Amino acid sequence: MTIDVTQFHEVFFEERLEHLANVETALLDLDSGGTDPEHINVIFRGAHSIKGGSGTFGFHEIAAFTHLLEKPLDGARSGRFVICTSIAEALPQSVDVFMVTHQRM
């Protein structure tokens, strides 16, 4: 029996927007020089959830892109390194990419 997962796309799209809103809020803290580890966790969890849903529903390019974002965030969460300026600047741009892809789906 094959399950048609397209019936769940709308829920995934709605959840993705919620994750992006949470990520944007946490990014505002980073943008203002904050270093609260919980904000890094919020950004990581949002990216991780988007990656998982994207892979599940066959949006493999989005999953691969999100995986690239996860790596430095995971390093920051574990204390292996600090989010540098270039990554901090790239994160909001990544949210913009997600929003554009969302509008095109």
Protein backbone atom coordinates (compact mmCIF):
# COMPACT_ATOMS: atom_id res chain seq x y z
CA MET A 1 0.00 0.00 0.00
CA THR A 2 1.41 3.37 -1.04
CA ILE A 3 0.66 6.44 1.03
CA ASP A 4 0.15 9.72 -0.80
CA VAL A 5 2.12 12.17 1.36
CA THR A 6 1.02 15.17 -0.70
CA GLN A 7 -2.09 15.28 1.46
CA PHE A 8 0.18 16.43 4.32
CA HIS A 9 1.99 19.17 2.38
CA GLU A 10 -0.23 21.97 3.65
CA VAL A 11 0.46 21.05 7.28
CA PHE A 12 4.18 20.91 6.54
CA PHE A 13 4.05 24.34 4.86
CA GLU A 14 2.24 25.84 7.86
CA GLU A 15 4.69 24.30 10.32
CA ARG A 16 7.61 25.52 8.25
CA LEU A 17 6.31 29.09 8.49
CA GLU A 18 6.02 28.72 12.27
CA HIS A 19 9.59 27.45 12.50
CA LEU A 20 10.81 30.32 10.32
CA ALA A 21 9.03 32.85 12.54
CA ASN A 22 10.73 31.36 15.61
CA VAL A 23 14.09 31.40 13.83
CA GLU A 24 13.65 35.04 12.83
CA THR A 25 12.85 36.03 16.41
CA ALA A 26 15.96 34.23 17.69
CA LEU A 27 18.07 35.80 14.93
CA LEU A 28 17.10 39.26 16.15
CA ASP A 29 18.89 38.44 19.39
CA LEU A 30 22.02 37.34 17.54
CA ASP A 31 21.84 40.42 15.33
CA SER A 32 21.84 42.66 18.38
CA GLY A 33 24.95 40.95 19.74
CA GLY A 34 23.21 38.45 21.98
CA THR A 35 24.81 35.11 22.73
CA ASP A 36 22.02 33.32 24.60
CA PRO A 37 22.51 29.58 23.94
CA GLU A 38 18.74 29.11 23.91
CA HIS A 39 18.49 31.31 20.82
CA ILE A 40 21.04 29.10 19.06
CA ASN A 41 18.96 26.08 20.13
CA VAL A 42 15.77 27.65 18.73
CA ILE A 43 17.48 28.33 15.40
CA PHE A 44 18.96 24.82 15.29
CA ARG A 45 15.65 23.13 16.18
CA GLY A 46 13.82 25.16 13.54
CA ALA A 47 16.37 24.24 10.89
CA HIS A 48 16.36 20.60 11.99
CA SER A 49 12.57 20.38 11.81
CA ILE A 50 12.49 22.01 8.38
CA LYS A 51 15.19 19.61 7.17
CA GLY A 52 13.31 16.57 8.44
CA GLY A 53 9.98 17.60 6.95
CA SER A 54 11.59 18.56 3.67
CA GLY A 55 13.25 15.17 3.36
CA THR A 56 10.07 13.34 4.32
CA PHE A 57 8.00 15.11 1.69
CA GLY A 58 10.56 14.86 -1.09
CA PHE A 59 11.92 18.40 -1.04
CA HIS A 60 15.48 17.12 -1.08
CA GLU A 61 17.13 20.37 -2.21
CA ILE A 62 15.63 22.21 0.76
CA ALA A 63 16.73 19.40 3.09
CA ALA A 64 20.29 19.58 1.73
CA PHE A 65 20.37 23.38 2.05
CA THR A 66 19.09 23.18 5.61
CA HIS A 67 21.67 20.55 6.48
CA LEU A 68 24.38 23.08 5.57
CA LEU A 69 22.86 25.49 8.09
CA GLU A 70 22.67 22.86 10.79
CA LYS A 71 26.39 22.12 10.88
CA PRO A 72 27.65 25.47 12.24
CA LEU A 73 24.62 25.77 14.51
CA ASP A 74 25.31 22.35 16.00
CA GLY A 75 28.94 23.34 16.52
CA ALA A 76 27.84 26.49 18.35
CA ARG A 77 25.35 24.52 20.45
CA SER A 78 28.02 22.08 21.56
CA GLY A 79 30.55 24.83 22.26
CA ARG A 80 33.00 23.68 19.57
CA PHE A 81 32.98 27.16 18.06
CA VAL A 82 31.29 30.54 18.13
CA ILE A 83 28.99 31.85 15.41
CA CYS A 84 31.25 34.15 13.39
CA THR A 85 30.09 37.33 11.68
CA SER A 86 29.81 35.75 8.22
CA ILE A 87 27.55 32.96 9.49
CA ALA A 88 25.51 35.39 11.58
CA GLU A 89 25.00 37.47 8.42
CA ALA A 90 24.14 34.41 6.30
CA LEU A 91 21.44 33.08 8.63
CA PRO A 92 18.86 35.84 7.95
CA GLN A 93 19.58 35.48 4.23
CA SER A 94 18.84 31.78 4.58
CA VAL A 95 15.45 32.60 6.07
CA ASP A 96 14.82 34.78 3.01
CA VAL A 97 15.67 31.82 0.76
CA PHE A 98 13.20 29.64 2.67
CA MET A 99 10.49 32.28 2.30
CA VAL A 100 11.05 32.52 -1.46
CA THR A 101 10.94 28.74 -1.85
CA HIS A 102 7.79 28.63 0.28
CA GLN A 103 6.07 31.15 -1.99
CA ARG A 104 6.97 29.08 -5.06
CA MET A 105 5.59 25.81 -3.71
